[in-house]
Amino acid sequence: MDLKTFATSIINLFKKNINETFETVFTLLKIMVPVSIITKIIEITGLIDIIGEFLNPVMELVGLPGEFGLVWASTMITNIYGGIIVFFSLLSKIDISVAQVTVLSTMMLIAHTFPIENMICRKAGIKFRFIFLFRIINAFILGFILNKLYLLFNLHNQILKISWKPEIKNNSLTSWAVNEIKNYLMIFIIIFFLLLIIKIFKKTGIIKIFNMIFNPVLRIFGISKKATPLTIIGMTLGLAYGGGLIIKESRDSNLSKKDIFFSLAFLSLSHSLIEDTFLMLSMGASLSGIFFGRLIYTVIIIYFLTKFINFIGKKNFEKYFIKKRKKGSKF
């Protein structure tokens, strides 16, 4: 291949990648922008406080002070950062052990940013009510299990001591709007490079090596080699990125309904294992729950979910778990 032909192929690759990035990000923004506005309205009107009060009894069942229901409510409706800010505001009034903050953090990691992340799953083809209940129920169950284990083995019972607090950002509407725009631009940049890397990996054959390493494990959970790279992206970077790419692949008919379902079910319990784990460590949580506990629990739950879905058959699977397609829609 001469230099001119090589340069032309590179330019065409970038053009195609930019077009696909715009298409993928536009799909995400159609979900994220209106949901972000609605979420902000909920935050301003104080509805989060009401939900937090409703969650008080739930928090007590997992060994946490009822007041921390507000932390979990803020996390589910806004995001992990919102929950962390509320957590530190309560920390000056209530003593909490390392075990308790680990339980709380693990629940936050599984059930957070519901309006956006669950809508992304719905857009990919999973019924909203399933993914909503799946995440909130499993967050509670894992929190309950961890609490019982820590009490049983007398682990992490020392009082939490943290020498720093997050900086409280300007909470004005203008500041919020600017931050949202910055987030959308960052999403565009990351999606662009993810799509580019996947194309390069496919052309160079690296994707085959990648699949050989991870697919034998993920195949146990109903995730085929086509969905493996996207699942790994979601596990490391986050559900929004993995989910966005899964939506793209589903529209291109590259993934089966079971690929999409099991991949997103896995990611709904364990995603952003790097960034989010470090965030919870900054709160004083233990890796035993926020990383190892969450990952082991995810593997167990998805394994049995796979067995259950195979048992009920294709017809019932699509009836109860998959969103019906609209006429003329690819998904």
C-alpha atoms as a PDB file:
ATOM      1  CA  MET A   1       0.000   0.000   0.000  1.00  0.00           C
ATOM      2  CA  ASP A   2       1.470   3.358  -1.049  1.00  0.00           C
ATOM      3  CA  LEU A   3       1.456   6.428   1.191  1.00  0.00           C
ATOM      4  CA  LYS A   4      -1.419   8.114  -0.646  1.00  0.00           C
ATOM      5  CA  THR A   5      -3.685   5.071  -0.369  1.00  0.00           C
ATOM      6  CA  PHE A   6      -2.787   4.686   3.310  1.00  0.00           C
ATOM      7  CA  ALA A   7      -3.557   8.364   4.011  1.00  0.00           C
ATOM      8  CA  THR A   8      -6.912   8.073   2.188  1.00  0.00           C
ATOM      9  CA  SER A   9      -7.884   4.996   4.200  1.00  0.00           C
ATOM     10  CA  ILE A  10      -6.995   6.768   7.465  1.00  0.00           C
ATOM     11  CA  ILE A  11      -9.068   9.830   6.495  1.00  0.00           C
ATOM     12  CA  ASN A  12     -12.037   7.604   5.544  1.00  0.00           C
ATOM     13  CA  LEU A  13     -11.701   5.734   8.833  1.00  0.00           C
ATOM     14  CA  PHE A  14     -11.837   8.994  10.804  1.00  0.00           C
ATOM     15  CA  LYS A  15     -14.794  10.305   8.768  1.00  0.00           C
ATOM     16  CA  LYS A  16     -16.747   7.108   9.343  1.00  0.00           C
ATOM     17  CA  ASN A  17     -15.821   7.138  13.014  1.00  0.00           C
ATOM     18  CA  ILE A  18     -16.965  10.747  13.468  1.00  0.00           C
ATOM     19  CA  ASN A  19     -20.314   9.955  11.822  1.00  0.00           C
ATOM     20  CA  GLU A  20     -20.811   6.911  14.049  1.00  0.00           C
ATOM     21  CA  THR A  21     -19.801   8.925  17.109  1.00  0.00           C
ATOM     22  CA  PHE A  22     -22.359  11.637  16.326  1.00  0.00           C
ATOM     23  CA  GLU A  23     -25.032   8.961  15.812  1.00  0.00           C
ATOM     24  CA  THR A  24     -24.203   7.171  19.092  1.00  0.00           C
ATOM     25  CA  VAL A  25     -23.854  10.337  21.185  1.00  0.00           C
ATOM     26  CA  PHE A  26     -27.038  11.827  19.692  1.00  0.00           C
ATOM     27  CA  THR A  27     -28.914   8.696  20.801  1.00  0.00           C
ATOM     28  CA  LEU A  28     -27.484   9.092  24.318  1.00  0.00           C
ATOM     29  CA  LEU A  29     -28.226  12.821  24.443  1.00  0.00           C
ATOM     30  CA  LYS A  30     -31.873  12.224  23.519  1.00  0.00           C
ATOM     31  CA  ILE A  31     -32.026  10.281  26.779  1.00  0.00           C
ATOM     32  CA  MET A  32     -29.650  12.282  28.952  1.00  0.00           C
ATOM     33  CA  VAL A  33     -30.657  15.892  28.274  1.00  0.00           C
ATOM     34  CA  PRO A  34     -34.397  15.683  29.107  1.00  0.00           C
ATOM     35  CA  VAL A  35     -33.761  13.272  31.994  1.00  0.00           C
ATOM     36  CA  SER A  36     -31.064  15.575  33.437  1.00  0.00           C
ATOM     37  CA  ILE A  37     -33.494  18.515  33.341  1.00  0.00           C
ATOM     38  CA  ILE A  38     -36.245  16.481  35.041  1.00  0.00           C
ATOM     39  CA  THR A  39     -33.754  15.228  37.641  1.00  0.00           C
ATOM     40  CA  LYS A  40     -32.679  18.800  38.408  1.00  0.00           C
ATOM     41  CA  ILE A  41     -36.316  19.826  38.869  1.00  0.00           C
ATOM     42  CA  ILE A  42     -36.829  16.889  41.276  1.00  0.00           C
ATOM     43  CA  GLU A  43     -33.722  17.969  43.177  1.00  0.00           C
ATOM     44  CA  ILE A  44     -34.863  21.602  43.436  1.00  0.00           C
ATOM     45  CA  THR A  45     -38.422  20.726  44.529  1.00  0.00           C
ATOM     46  CA  GLY A  46     -37.178  18.623  47.451  1.00  0.00           C
ATOM     47  CA  LEU A  47     -38.682  15.341  46.252  1.00  0.00           C
ATOM     48  CA  ILE A  48     -35.385  13.606  47.021  1.00  0.00           C
ATOM     49  CA  ASP A  49     -35.893  14.395  50.725  1.00  0.00           C
ATOM     50  CA  ILE A  50     -39.299  12.684  50.634  1.00  0.00           C
ATOM     51  CA  ILE A  51     -37.832   9.595  48.965  1.00  0.00           C
ATOM     52  CA  GLY A  52     -34.999   9.616  51.512  1.00  0.00           C
ATOM     53  CA  GLU A  53     -37.531   9.540  54.367  1.00  0.00           C
ATOM     54  CA  PHE A  54     -39.334   6.654  52.677  1.00  0.00           C
ATOM     55  CA  LEU A  55     -36.031   4.718  52.562  1.00  0.00           C
ATOM     56  CA  ASN A  56     -35.278   5.177  56.296  1.00  0.00           C
ATOM     57  CA  PRO A  57     -36.695   1.764  57.331  1.00  0.00           C
ATOM     58  CA  VAL A  58     -34.798   0.088  54.469  1.00  0.00           C
ATOM     59  CA  MET A  59     -31.492   1.515  55.681  1.00  0.00           C
ATOM     60  CA  GLU A  60     -32.129   0.213  59.184  1.00  0.00           C
ATOM     61  CA  LEU A  61     -32.590  -3.308  57.768  1.00  0.00           C
ATOM     62  CA  VAL A  62     -29.027  -3.198  56.416  1.00  0.00           C
ATOM     63  CA  GLY A  63     -27.587  -1.852  59.666  1.00  0.00           C
ATOM     64  CA  LEU A  64     -27.446   1.833  58.723  1.00  0.00           C
ATOM     65  CA  PRO A  65     -28.888   4.917  60.437  1.00  0.00           C
ATOM     66  CA  GLY A  66     -32.191   5.863  58.787  1.00  0.00           C
ATOM     67  CA  GLU A  67     -30.836   9.301  57.888  1.00  0.00           C
ATOM     68  CA  PHE A  68     -28.618   7.690  55.264  1.00  0.00           C
ATOM     69  CA  GLY A  69     -31.718   6.949  53.206  1.00  0.00           C
ATOM     70  CA  LEU A  70     -31.239  10.501  51.914  1.00  0.00           C
ATOM     71  CA  VAL A  71     -27.744   9.558  50.681  1.00  0.00           C
ATOM     72  CA  TRP A  72     -29.072   6.580  48.734  1.00  0.00           C
ATOM     73  CA  ALA A  73     -32.043   8.549  47.386  1.00  0.00           C
ATOM     74  CA  SER A  74     -29.715  11.316  46.146  1.00  0.00           C
ATOM     75  CA  THR A  75     -27.448   8.711  44.552  1.00  0.00           C
ATOM     76  CA  MET A  76     -30.279   6.943  42.735  1.00  0.00           C
ATOM     77  CA  ILE A  77     -31.932  10.093  41.444  1.00  0.00           C
ATOM     78  CA  THR A  78     -28.870  12.224  40.690  1.00  0.00           C
ATOM     79  CA  ASN A  79     -25.537  10.376  40.689  1.00  0.00           C
ATOM     80  CA  ILE A  80     -22.786   9.041  42.950  1.00  0.00           C
ATOM     81  CA  TYR A  81     -21.248  12.512  43.371  1.00  0.00           C
ATOM     82  CA  GLY A  82     -24.573  13.866  44.619  1.00  0.00           C
ATOM     83  CA  GLY A  83     -24.796  11.024  47.116  1.00  0.00           C
ATOM     84  CA  ILE A  84     -21.229  11.611  48.334  1.00  0.00           C
ATOM     85  CA  ILE A  85     -21.946  15.280  49.058  1.00  0.00           C
ATOM     86  CA  VAL A  86     -25.024  14.358  51.118  1.00  0.00           C
ATOM     87  CA  PHE A  87     -22.994  11.638  52.878  1.00  0.00           C
ATOM     88  CA  PHE A  88     -20.333  14.088  54.041  1.00  0.00           C
ATOM     89  CA  SER A  89     -22.965  16.593  55.174  1.00  0.00           C
ATOM     90  CA  LEU A  90     -24.419  13.901  57.470  1.00  0.00           C
ATOM     91  CA  LEU A  91     -21.051  12.591  58.625  1.00  0.00           C
ATOM     92  CA  SER A  92     -20.485  15.549  60.948  1.00  0.00           C
ATOM     93  CA  LYS A  93     -23.690  14.650  62.845  1.00  0.00           C
ATOM     94  CA  ILE A  94     -23.584  10.830  62.888  1.00  0.00           C
ATOM     95  CA  ASP A  95     -20.794   8.363  63.704  1.00  0.00           C
ATOM     96  CA  ILE A  96     -20.532   5.488  61.242  1.00  0.00           C
ATOM     97  CA  SER A  97     -18.219   2.460  61.116  1.00  0.00           C
ATOM     98  CA  VAL A  98     -16.094   1.354  58.164  1.00  0.00           C
ATOM     99  CA  ALA A  99     -18.393  -1.665  57.805  1.00  0.00           C
ATOM    100  CA  GLN A 100     -21.445   0.592  57.587  1.00  0.00           C
ATOM    101  CA  VAL A 101     -19.919   2.929  55.014  1.00  0.00           C
ATOM    102  CA  THR A 102     -18.886  -0.141  52.977  1.00  0.00           C
ATOM    103  CA  VAL A 103     -22.468  -1.424  53.012  1.00  0.00           C
ATOM    104  CA  LEU A 104     -23.776   2.017  51.994  1.00  0.00           C
ATOM    105  CA  SER A 105     -21.131   2.466  49.281  1.00  0.00           C
ATOM    106  CA  THR A 106     -21.817  -0.957  47.768  1.00  0.00           C
ATOM    107  CA  MET A 107     -25.532  -0.203  47.558  1.00  0.00           C
ATOM    108  CA  MET A 108     -24.722   3.155  45.952  1.00  0.00           C
ATOM    109  CA  LEU A 109     -22.488   1.466  43.357  1.00  0.00           C
ATOM    110  CA  ILE A 110     -25.243  -0.900  42.235  1.00  0.00           C
ATOM    111  CA  ALA A 111     -28.181   1.511  42.413  1.00  0.00           C
ATOM    112  CA  HIS A 112     -27.302   5.002  41.170  1.00  0.00           C
ATOM    113  CA  THR A 113     -28.170   7.482  38.387  1.00  0.00           C
ATOM    114  CA  PHE A 114     -31.394   5.570  37.709  1.00  0.00           C
ATOM    115  CA  PRO A 115     -33.113   8.097  35.408  1.00  0.00           C
ATOM    116  CA  ILE A 116     -30.267   8.103  32.867  1.00  0.00           C
ATOM    117  CA  GLU A 117     -28.682   4.647  33.159  1.00  0.00           C
ATOM    118  CA  ASN A 118     -31.971   2.737  33.304  1.00  0.00           C
ATOM    119  CA  MET A 119     -33.299   4.685  30.327  1.00  0.00           C
ATOM    120  CA  ILE A 120     -30.161   3.728  28.388  1.00  0.00           C
ATOM    121  CA  CYS A 121     -30.903   0.069  29.176  1.00  0.00           C
ATOM    122  CA  ARG A 122     -34.491   0.600  28.042  1.00  0.00           C
ATOM    123  CA  LYS A 123     -33.327   2.209  24.803  1.00  0.00           C
ATOM    124  CA  ALA A 124     -31.153  -0.851  24.181  1.00  0.00           C
ATOM    125  CA  GLY A 125     -34.237  -3.036  24.506  1.00  0.00           C
ATOM    126  CA  ILE A 126     -34.661  -4.108  28.150  1.00  0.00           C
ATOM    127  CA  LYS A 127     -37.905  -3.383  29.980  1.00  0.00           C
ATOM    128  CA  PHE A 128     -37.488  -0.439  32.349  1.00  0.00           C
ATOM    129  CA  ARG A 129     -39.348  -2.017  35.264  1.00  0.00           C
ATOM    130  CA  PHE A 130     -37.093  -5.072  35.182  1.00  0.00           C
ATOM    131  CA  ILE A 131     -33.807  -3.153  35.224  1.00  0.00           C
ATOM    132  CA  PHE A 132     -35.166  -0.776  37.895  1.00  0.00           C
ATOM    133  CA  LEU A 133     -36.260  -3.568  40.239  1.00  0.00           C
ATOM    134  CA  PHE A 134     -33.228  -5.726  39.411  1.00  0.00           C
ATOM    135  CA  ARG A 135     -30.790  -3.032  40.527  1.00  0.00           C
ATOM    136  CA  ILE A 136     -32.612  -1.771  43.610  1.00  0.00           C
ATOM    137  CA  ILE A 137     -33.452  -5.268  44.931  1.00  0.00           C
ATOM    138  CA  ASN A 138     -29.923  -6.581  44.392  1.00  0.00           C
ATOM    139  CA  ALA A 139     -28.412  -3.462  45.969  1.00  0.00           C
ATOM    140  CA  PHE A 140     -30.503  -4.118  49.069  1.00  0.00           C
ATOM    141  CA  ILE A 141     -29.756  -7.877  49.144  1.00  0.00           C
ATOM    142  CA  LEU A 142     -25.997  -7.375  48.834  1.00  0.00           C
ATOM    143  CA  GLY A 143     -26.092  -4.629  51.472  1.00  0.00           C
ATOM    144  CA  PHE A 144     -28.022  -6.966  53.785  1.00  0.00           C
ATOM    145  CA  ILE A 145     -25.552  -9.838  53.206  1.00  0.00           C
ATOM    146  CA  LEU A 146     -22.490  -7.643  53.767  1.00  0.00           C
ATOM    147  CA  ASN A 147     -23.957  -6.220  56.971  1.00  0.00           C
ATOM    148  CA  LYS A 148     -24.604  -9.722  58.348  1.00  0.00           C
ATOM    149  CA  LEU A 149     -21.115 -10.937  57.356  1.00  0.00           C
ATOM    150  CA  TYR A 150     -19.365  -7.938  58.926  1.00  0.00           C
ATOM    151  CA  LEU A 151     -21.351  -8.413  62.141  1.00  0.00           C
ATOM    152  CA  LEU A 152     -20.780 -12.172  62.190  1.00  0.00           C
ATOM    153  CA  PHE A 153     -17.005 -11.926  61.753  1.00  0.00           C
ATOM    154  CA  ASN A 154     -16.657  -8.607  63.610  1.00  0.00           C
ATOM    155  CA  LEU A 155     -15.018  -6.920  60.604  1.00  0.00           C
ATOM    156  CA  HIS A 156     -14.395  -3.218  59.961  1.00  0.00           C
ATOM    157  CA  ASN A 157     -16.159  -2.162  63.147  1.00  0.00           C
ATOM    158  CA  GLN A 158     -13.828   0.792  63.789  1.00  0.00           C
ATOM    159  CA  ILE A 159     -15.393   4.271  63.609  1.00  0.00           C
ATOM    160  CA  LEU A 160     -14.787   5.957  60.257  1.00  0.00           C
ATOM    161  CA  LYS A 161     -12.298   8.812  60.335  1.00  0.00           C
ATOM    162  CA  ILE A 162     -11.796  10.943  57.239  1.00  0.00           C
ATOM    163  CA  SER A 163      -9.492  13.945  57.138  1.00  0.00           C
ATOM    164  CA  TRP A 164     -10.958  15.530  54.000  1.00  0.00           C
ATOM    165  CA  LYS A 165     -14.293  16.571  52.548  1.00  0.00           C
ATOM    166  CA  PRO A 166     -15.253  17.149  48.906  1.00  0.00           C
ATOM    167  CA  GLU A 167     -15.341  20.709  47.716  1.00  0.00           C
ATOM    168  CA  ILE A 168     -18.915  22.012  47.519  1.00  0.00           C
ATOM    169  CA  LYS A 169     -19.374  23.296  43.989  1.00  0.00           C
ATOM    170  CA  ASN A 170     -21.462  26.245  42.902  1.00  0.00           C
ATOM    171  CA  ASN A 171     -25.019  24.878  42.808  1.00  0.00           C
ATOM    172  CA  SER A 172     -26.556  27.573  40.595  1.00  0.00           C
ATOM    173  CA  LEU A 173     -28.511  26.636  37.483  1.00  0.00           C
ATOM    174  CA  THR A 174     -25.880  28.293  35.282  1.00  0.00           C
ATOM    175  CA  SER A 175     -23.094  26.262  36.876  1.00  0.00           C
ATOM    176  CA  TRP A 176     -25.191  23.091  36.528  1.00  0.00           C
ATOM    177  CA  ALA A 177     -25.850  23.785  32.825  1.00  0.00           C
ATOM    178  CA  VAL A 178     -22.141  24.445  32.131  1.00  0.00           C
ATOM    179  CA  ASN A 179     -21.144  21.215  33.892  1.00  0.00           C
ATOM    180  CA  GLU A 180     -23.741  19.244  31.911  1.00  0.00           C
ATOM    181  CA  ILE A 181     -22.373  20.611  28.615  1.00  0.00           C
ATOM    182  CA  LYS A 182     -18.830  19.697  29.704  1.00  0.00           C
ATOM    183  CA  ASN A 183     -20.027  16.172  30.502  1.00  0.00           C
ATOM    184  CA  TYR A 184     -21.667  15.822  27.074  1.00  0.00           C
ATOM    185  CA  LEU A 185     -18.480  16.976  25.329  1.00  0.00           C
ATOM    186  CA  MET A 186     -16.455  14.481  27.357  1.00  0.00           C
ATOM    187  CA  ILE A 187     -18.884  11.711  26.384  1.00  0.00           C
ATOM    188  CA  PHE A 188     -18.400  12.606  22.702  1.00  0.00           C
ATOM    189  CA  ILE A 189     -14.603  12.464  23.007  1.00  0.00           C
ATOM    190  CA  ILE A 190     -14.590   9.160  24.900  1.00  0.00           C
ATOM    191  CA  ILE A 191     -17.117   7.497  22.545  1.00  0.00           C
ATOM    192  CA  PHE A 192     -15.070   8.687  19.547  1.00  0.00           C
ATOM    193  CA  PHE A 193     -11.892   7.052  20.834  1.00  0.00           C
ATOM    194  CA  LEU A 194     -13.696   3.899  21.989  1.00  0.00           C
ATOM    195  CA  LEU A 195     -15.196   3.363  18.534  1.00  0.00           C
ATOM    196  CA  LEU A 196     -11.827   4.097  16.932  1.00  0.00           C
ATOM    197  CA  ILE A 197      -9.999   1.648  19.196  1.00  0.00           C
ATOM    198  CA  ILE A 198     -12.583  -1.078  18.496  1.00  0.00           C
ATOM    199  CA  LYS A 199     -12.134  -0.556  14.717  1.00  0.00           C
ATOM    200  CA  ILE A 200      -8.335  -0.712  15.021  1.00  0.00           C
ATOM    201  CA  PHE A 201      -8.572  -3.842  17.170  1.00  0.00           C
ATOM    202  CA  LYS A 202     -10.837  -5.496  14.583  1.00  0.00           C
ATOM    203  CA  LYS A 203      -8.544  -4.632  11.670  1.00  0.00           C
ATOM    204  CA  THR A 204      -5.360  -5.726  13.461  1.00  0.00           C
ATOM    205  CA  GLY A 205      -6.821  -8.929  14.909  1.00  0.00           C
ATOM    206  CA  ILE A 206      -6.312  -7.789  18.510  1.00  0.00           C
ATOM    207  CA  ILE A 207     -10.059  -8.186  19.087  1.00  0.00           C
ATOM    208  CA  LYS A 208      -9.683 -11.955  18.503  1.00  0.00           C
ATOM    209  CA  ILE A 209      -7.038 -12.177  21.234  1.00  0.00           C
ATOM    210  CA  PHE A 210      -9.242 -10.058  23.472  1.00  0.00           C
ATOM    211  CA  ASN A 211     -12.171 -12.423  22.932  1.00  0.00           C
ATOM    212  CA  MET A 212     -10.007 -15.499  23.503  1.00  0.00           C
ATOM    213  CA  ILE A 213      -9.060 -14.159  26.955  1.00  0.00           C
ATOM    214  CA  PHE A 214     -12.432 -12.924  28.214  1.00  0.00           C
ATOM    215  CA  ASN A 215     -15.099 -14.772  26.230  1.00  0.00           C
ATOM    216  CA  PRO A 216     -14.742 -18.201  27.940  1.00  0.00           C
ATOM    217  CA  VAL A 217     -15.715 -16.541  31.230  1.00  0.00           C
ATOM    218  CA  LEU A 218     -18.421 -14.183  29.929  1.00  0.00           C
ATOM    219  CA  ARG A 219     -19.954 -16.954  27.787  1.00  0.00           C
ATOM    220  CA  ILE A 220     -21.025 -18.664  31.043  1.00  0.00           C
ATOM    221  CA  PHE A 221     -23.243 -15.622  31.626  1.00  0.00           C
ATOM    222  CA  GLY A 222     -24.847 -15.696  28.182  1.00  0.00           C
ATOM    223  CA  ILE A 223     -22.575 -13.001  26.723  1.00  0.00           C
ATOM    224  CA  SER A 224     -21.236 -13.906  23.263  1.00  0.00           C
ATOM    225  CA  LYS A 225     -17.889 -12.858  21.795  1.00  0.00           C
ATOM    226  CA  LYS A 226     -19.632 -10.060  19.853  1.00  0.00           C
ATOM    227  CA  ALA A 227     -20.750  -8.429  23.108  1.00  0.00           C
ATOM    228  CA  THR A 228     -17.559  -9.186  25.085  1.00  0.00           C
ATOM    229  CA  PRO A 229     -15.575  -5.996  24.193  1.00  0.00           C
ATOM    230  CA  LEU A 230     -18.591  -3.774  24.902  1.00  0.00           C
ATOM    231  CA  THR A 231     -19.219  -5.480  28.243  1.00  0.00           C
ATOM    232  CA  ILE A 232     -15.572  -5.019  29.269  1.00  0.00           C
ATOM    233  CA  ILE A 233     -15.797  -1.321  28.297  1.00  0.00           C
ATOM    234  CA  GLY A 234     -18.879  -0.932  30.489  1.00  0.00           C
ATOM    235  CA  MET A 235     -17.246  -2.774  33.385  1.00  0.00           C
ATOM    236  CA  THR A 236     -14.195  -0.511  33.334  1.00  0.00           C
ATOM    237  CA  LEU A 237     -15.571   2.862  32.155  1.00  0.00           C
ATOM    238  CA  GLY A 238     -19.277   2.835  32.995  1.00  0.00           C
ATOM    239  CA  LEU A 239     -22.757   1.799  31.916  1.00  0.00           C
ATOM    240  CA  ALA A 240     -23.363   4.940  29.846  1.00  0.00           C
ATOM    241  CA  TYR A 241     -20.388   4.160  27.578  1.00  0.00           C
ATOM    242  CA  GLY A 242     -20.947   0.405  27.385  1.00  0.00           C
ATOM    243  CA  GLY A 243     -24.689   0.909  27.030  1.00  0.00           C
ATOM    244  CA  GLY A 244     -24.256   3.534  24.329  1.00  0.00           C
ATOM    245  CA  LEU A 245     -22.114   1.180  22.261  1.00  0.00           C
ATOM    246  CA  ILE A 246     -24.552  -1.679  22.861  1.00  0.00           C
ATOM    247  CA  ILE A 247     -27.400   0.506  21.544  1.00  0.00           C
ATOM    248  CA  LYS A 248     -25.341   1.184  18.408  1.00  0.00           C
ATOM    249  CA  GLU A 249     -24.567  -2.501  17.872  1.00  0.00           C
ATOM    250  CA  SER A 250     -28.190  -3.501  18.481  1.00  0.00           C
ATOM    251  CA  ARG A 251     -29.311  -1.042  15.788  1.00  0.00           C
ATOM    252  CA  ASP A 252     -26.778  -2.518  13.398  1.00  0.00           C
ATOM    253  CA  SER A 253     -28.220  -5.981  14.240  1.00  0.00           C
ATOM    254  CA  ASN A 254     -24.813  -7.196  15.448  1.00  0.00           C
ATOM    255  CA  LEU A 255     -26.096  -8.369  18.838  1.00  0.00           C
ATOM    256  CA  SER A 256     -28.872 -10.778  19.761  1.00  0.00           C
ATOM    257  CA  LYS A 257     -31.524  -9.882  22.332  1.00  0.00           C
ATOM    258  CA  LYS A 258     -29.889 -12.248  24.832  1.00  0.00           C
ATOM    259  CA  ASP A 259     -26.490 -10.628  24.230  1.00  0.00           C
ATOM    260  CA  ILE A 260     -27.973  -7.235  25.017  1.00  0.00           C
ATOM    261  CA  PHE A 261     -29.950  -8.481  28.011  1.00  0.00           C
ATOM    262  CA  PHE A 262     -27.182 -10.411  29.767  1.00  0.00           C
ATOM    263  CA  SER A 263     -24.527  -7.810  29.003  1.00  0.00           C
ATOM    264  CA  LEU A 264     -26.617  -4.969  30.462  1.00  0.00           C
ATOM    265  CA  ALA A 265     -27.821  -7.096  33.388  1.00  0.00           C
ATOM    266  CA  PHE A 266     -24.163  -7.761  34.236  1.00  0.00           C
ATOM    267  CA  LEU A 267     -23.240  -4.085  33.825  1.00  0.00           C
ATOM    268  CA  SER A 268     -26.203  -2.913  35.902  1.00  0.00           C
ATOM    269  CA  LEU A 269     -24.596  -4.613  38.926  1.00  0.00           C
ATOM    270  CA  SER A 270     -20.903  -4.135  38.126  1.00  0.00           C
ATOM    271  CA  HIS A 271     -19.807  -1.221  35.988  1.00  0.00           C
ATOM    272  CA  SER A 272     -17.181   1.518  36.197  1.00  0.00           C
ATOM    273  CA  LEU A 273     -15.102  -0.765  38.410  1.00  0.00           C
ATOM    274  CA  ILE A 274     -12.147   1.634  38.329  1.00  0.00           C
ATOM    275  CA  GLU A 275     -13.459   5.188  38.820  1.00  0.00           C
ATOM    276  CA  ASP A 276     -16.443   4.361  41.038  1.00  0.00           C
ATOM    277  CA  THR A 277     -14.391   2.044  43.239  1.00  0.00           C
ATOM    278  CA  PHE A 278     -11.870   4.824  43.903  1.00  0.00           C
ATOM    279  CA  LEU A 279     -14.738   7.215  44.694  1.00  0.00           C
ATOM    280  CA  MET A 280     -16.031   4.827  47.357  1.00  0.00           C
ATOM    281  CA  LEU A 281     -12.526   4.353  48.746  1.00  0.00           C
ATOM    282  CA  SER A 282     -12.421   8.117  49.225  1.00  0.00           C
ATOM    283  CA  MET A 283     -15.489   7.746  51.457  1.00  0.00           C
ATOM    284  CA  GLY A 284     -13.591   5.267  53.627  1.00  0.00           C
ATOM    285  CA  ALA A 285     -15.208   2.065  52.323  1.00  0.00           C
ATOM    286  CA  SER A 286     -13.408  -1.296  52.230  1.00  0.00           C
ATOM    287  CA  LEU A 287     -12.523  -3.113  48.997  1.00  0.00           C
ATOM    288  CA  SER A 288     -13.984  -6.282  50.528  1.00  0.00           C
ATOM    289  CA  GLY A 289     -17.471  -4.984  49.702  1.00  0.00           C
ATOM    290  CA  ILE A 290     -17.219  -2.321  47.021  1.00  0.00           C
ATOM    291  CA  PHE A 291     -15.018  -4.376  44.684  1.00  0.00           C
ATOM    292  CA  PHE A 292     -14.655  -8.047  45.628  1.00  0.00           C
ATOM    293  CA  GLY A 293     -18.093  -8.425  47.210  1.00  0.00           C
ATOM    294  CA  ARG A 294     -19.865  -6.664  44.340  1.00  0.00           C
ATOM    295  CA  LEU A 295     -18.017  -8.607  41.639  1.00  0.00           C
ATOM    296  CA  ILE A 296     -18.505 -12.015  43.267  1.00  0.00           C
ATOM    297  CA  TYR A 297     -22.176 -11.256  43.906  1.00  0.00           C
ATOM    298  CA  THR A 298     -22.638 -10.143  40.271  1.00  0.00           C
ATOM    299  CA  VAL A 299     -21.093 -13.348  38.939  1.00  0.00           C
ATOM    300  CA  ILE A 300     -23.390 -15.483  41.121  1.00  0.00           C
ATOM    301  CA  ILE A 301     -26.572 -13.544  40.296  1.00  0.00           C
ATOM    302  CA  ILE A 302     -25.947 -13.421  36.532  1.00  0.00           C
ATOM    303  CA  TYR A 303     -25.066 -17.127  36.481  1.00  0.00           C
ATOM    304  CA  PHE A 304     -28.430 -18.046  38.035  1.00  0.00           C
ATOM    305  CA  LEU A 305     -30.241 -15.445  35.923  1.00  0.00           C
ATOM    306  CA  THR A 306     -28.788 -17.134  32.824  1.00  0.00           C
ATOM    307  CA  LYS A 307     -30.074 -20.521  33.988  1.00  0.00           C
ATOM    308  CA  PHE A 308     -33.503 -19.033  34.732  1.00  0.00           C
ATOM    309  CA  ILE A 309     -33.833 -17.299  31.352  1.00  0.00           C
ATOM    310  CA  ASN A 310     -32.823 -20.478  29.514  1.00  0.00           C
ATOM    311  CA  PHE A 311     -35.372 -22.427  31.596  1.00  0.00           C
ATOM    312  CA  ILE A 312     -38.371 -20.171  30.817  1.00  0.00           C
ATOM    313  CA  GLY A 313     -37.711 -20.229  27.079  1.00  0.00           C
ATOM    314  CA  LYS A 314     -37.423 -17.610  24.355  1.00  0.00           C
ATOM    315  CA  LYS A 315     -41.119 -16.658  24.242  1.00  0.00           C
ATOM    316  CA  ASN A 316     -41.410 -15.868  27.969  1.00  0.00           C
ATOM    317  CA  PHE A 317     -37.993 -14.197  27.975  1.00  0.00           C
ATOM    318  CA  GLU A 318     -39.071 -11.719  25.303  1.00  0.00           C
ATOM    319  CA  LYS A 319     -42.512 -11.266  26.859  1.00  0.00           C
ATOM    320  CA  TYR A 320     -41.348 -10.350  30.365  1.00  0.00           C
ATOM    321  CA  PHE A 321     -37.875  -8.892  29.898  1.00  0.00           C
ATOM    322  CA  ILE A 322     -37.562  -7.369  26.420  1.00  0.00           C
ATOM    323  CA  LYS A 323     -39.193  -4.106  25.359  1.00  0.00           C
ATOM    324  CA  LYS A 324     -41.453  -4.436  22.357  1.00  0.00           C
ATOM    325  CA  ARG A 325     -40.162  -2.820  19.201  1.00  0.00           C
ATOM    326  CA  LYS A 326     -42.128  -0.025  17.604  1.00  0.00           C
ATOM    327  CA  LYS A 327     -43.003  -0.448  13.968  1.00  0.00           C
ATOM    328  CA  GLY A 328     -40.163   0.806  11.797  1.00  0.00           C
ATOM    329  CA  SER A 329     -37.754   0.839  14.751  1.00  0.00           C
ATOM    330  CA  LYS A 330     -34.637  -1.298  14.799  1.00  0.00           C
ATOM    331  CA  PHE A 331     -34.948  -1.548  18.583  1.00  0.00           C
END
